[in-house]
């Protein structure tokens, strides 16, 4: 299993997550749970491509 650093910040409308060491890894969400799910999908997409 790989581990990746992901930063989650509050926004006015929810949350945003990003990987500070890699461009293009950004995922928004209304809740922390949603933003975690979205970031997981972004990482999977990039690893498969």
C-alpha atoms as a PDB file:
ATOM      1  CA  UNK A   1       0.000   0.000   0.000  1.00  0.00           C
ATOM      2  CA  UNK A   2       1.332   3.439  -0.934  1.00  0.00           C
ATOM      3  CA  UNK A   3       0.918   6.480   1.273  1.00  0.00           C
ATOM      4  CA  UNK A   4       0.584  10.013  -0.073  1.00  0.00           C
ATOM      5  CA  UNK A   5       0.636  13.360   1.715  1.00  0.00           C
ATOM      6  CA  UNK A   6      -2.682  15.145   1.156  1.00  0.00           C
ATOM      7  CA  UNK A   7      -3.548  18.572   2.601  1.00  0.00           C
ATOM      8  CA  UNK A   8      -7.211  19.357   3.340  1.00  0.00           C
ATOM      9  CA  UNK A   9      -8.192  23.006   3.852  1.00  0.00           C
ATOM     10  CA  UNK A  10     -11.493  24.685   4.712  1.00  0.00           C
ATOM     11  CA  UNK A  11     -13.142  26.903   2.100  1.00  0.00           C
ATOM     12  CA  UNK A  12     -16.254  29.080   2.209  1.00  0.00           C
ATOM     13  CA  UNK A  13     -18.294  26.296   0.592  1.00  0.00           C
ATOM     14  CA  UNK A  14     -16.655  23.165   2.023  1.00  0.00           C
ATOM     15  CA  UNK A  15     -13.186  21.695   1.683  1.00  0.00           C
ATOM     16  CA  UNK A  16     -10.362  21.426  -0.853  1.00  0.00           C
ATOM     17  CA  UNK A  17      -7.600  18.845  -0.897  1.00  0.00           C
ATOM     18  CA  UNK A  18      -4.301  18.835  -2.747  1.00  0.00           C
ATOM     19  CA  UNK A  19      -0.910  17.176  -2.867  1.00  0.00           C
ATOM     20  CA  UNK A  20       1.784  19.822  -2.339  1.00  0.00           C
ATOM     21  CA  UNK A  21       4.505  17.792  -4.070  1.00  0.00           C
ATOM     22  CA  UNK A  22       2.608  17.029  -7.308  1.00  0.00           C
ATOM     23  CA  UNK A  23       0.788  19.269  -9.799  1.00  0.00           C
ATOM     24  CA  UNK A  24      -2.751  18.361 -10.825  1.00  0.00           C
ATOM     25  CA  UNK A  25      -3.812  16.551  -7.671  1.00  0.00           C
ATOM     26  CA  UNK A  26      -6.703  18.727  -6.459  1.00  0.00           C
ATOM     27  CA  UNK A  27     -10.161  17.670  -5.291  1.00  0.00           C
ATOM     28  CA  UNK A  28     -13.020  19.706  -3.783  1.00  0.00           C
ATOM     29  CA  UNK A  29     -15.869  18.490  -1.589  1.00  0.00           C
ATOM     30  CA  UNK A  30     -18.669  19.735   0.656  1.00  0.00           C
ATOM     31  CA  UNK A  31     -17.618  17.473   3.539  1.00  0.00           C
ATOM     32  CA  UNK A  32     -14.291  15.977   4.649  1.00  0.00           C
ATOM     33  CA  UNK A  33     -15.600  12.520   3.781  1.00  0.00           C
ATOM     34  CA  UNK A  34     -16.511  13.657   0.263  1.00  0.00           C
ATOM     35  CA  UNK A  35     -13.177  15.412  -0.307  1.00  0.00           C
ATOM     36  CA  UNK A  36     -11.294  12.291   0.865  1.00  0.00           C
ATOM     37  CA  UNK A  37     -13.286  10.129  -1.577  1.00  0.00           C
ATOM     38  CA  UNK A  38     -12.697  12.593  -4.408  1.00  0.00           C
ATOM     39  CA  UNK A  39      -8.955  12.782  -3.733  1.00  0.00           C
ATOM     40  CA  UNK A  40      -8.714   8.990  -3.665  1.00  0.00           C
ATOM     41  CA  UNK A  41     -10.307   8.934  -7.130  1.00  0.00           C
ATOM     42  CA  UNK A  42      -7.885  11.625  -8.388  1.00  0.00           C
ATOM     43  CA  UNK A  43      -4.875   9.645  -7.151  1.00  0.00           C
ATOM     44  CA  UNK A  44      -6.208   6.425  -8.706  1.00  0.00           C
ATOM     45  CA  UNK A  45      -6.772   8.212 -12.025  1.00  0.00           C
ATOM     46  CA  UNK A  46      -3.215   9.583 -12.119  1.00  0.00           C
ATOM     47  CA  UNK A  47      -1.635   6.274 -11.108  1.00  0.00           C
ATOM     48  CA  UNK A  48      -3.535   4.367 -13.817  1.00  0.00           C
ATOM     49  CA  UNK A  49      -2.661   6.924 -16.504  1.00  0.00           C
END
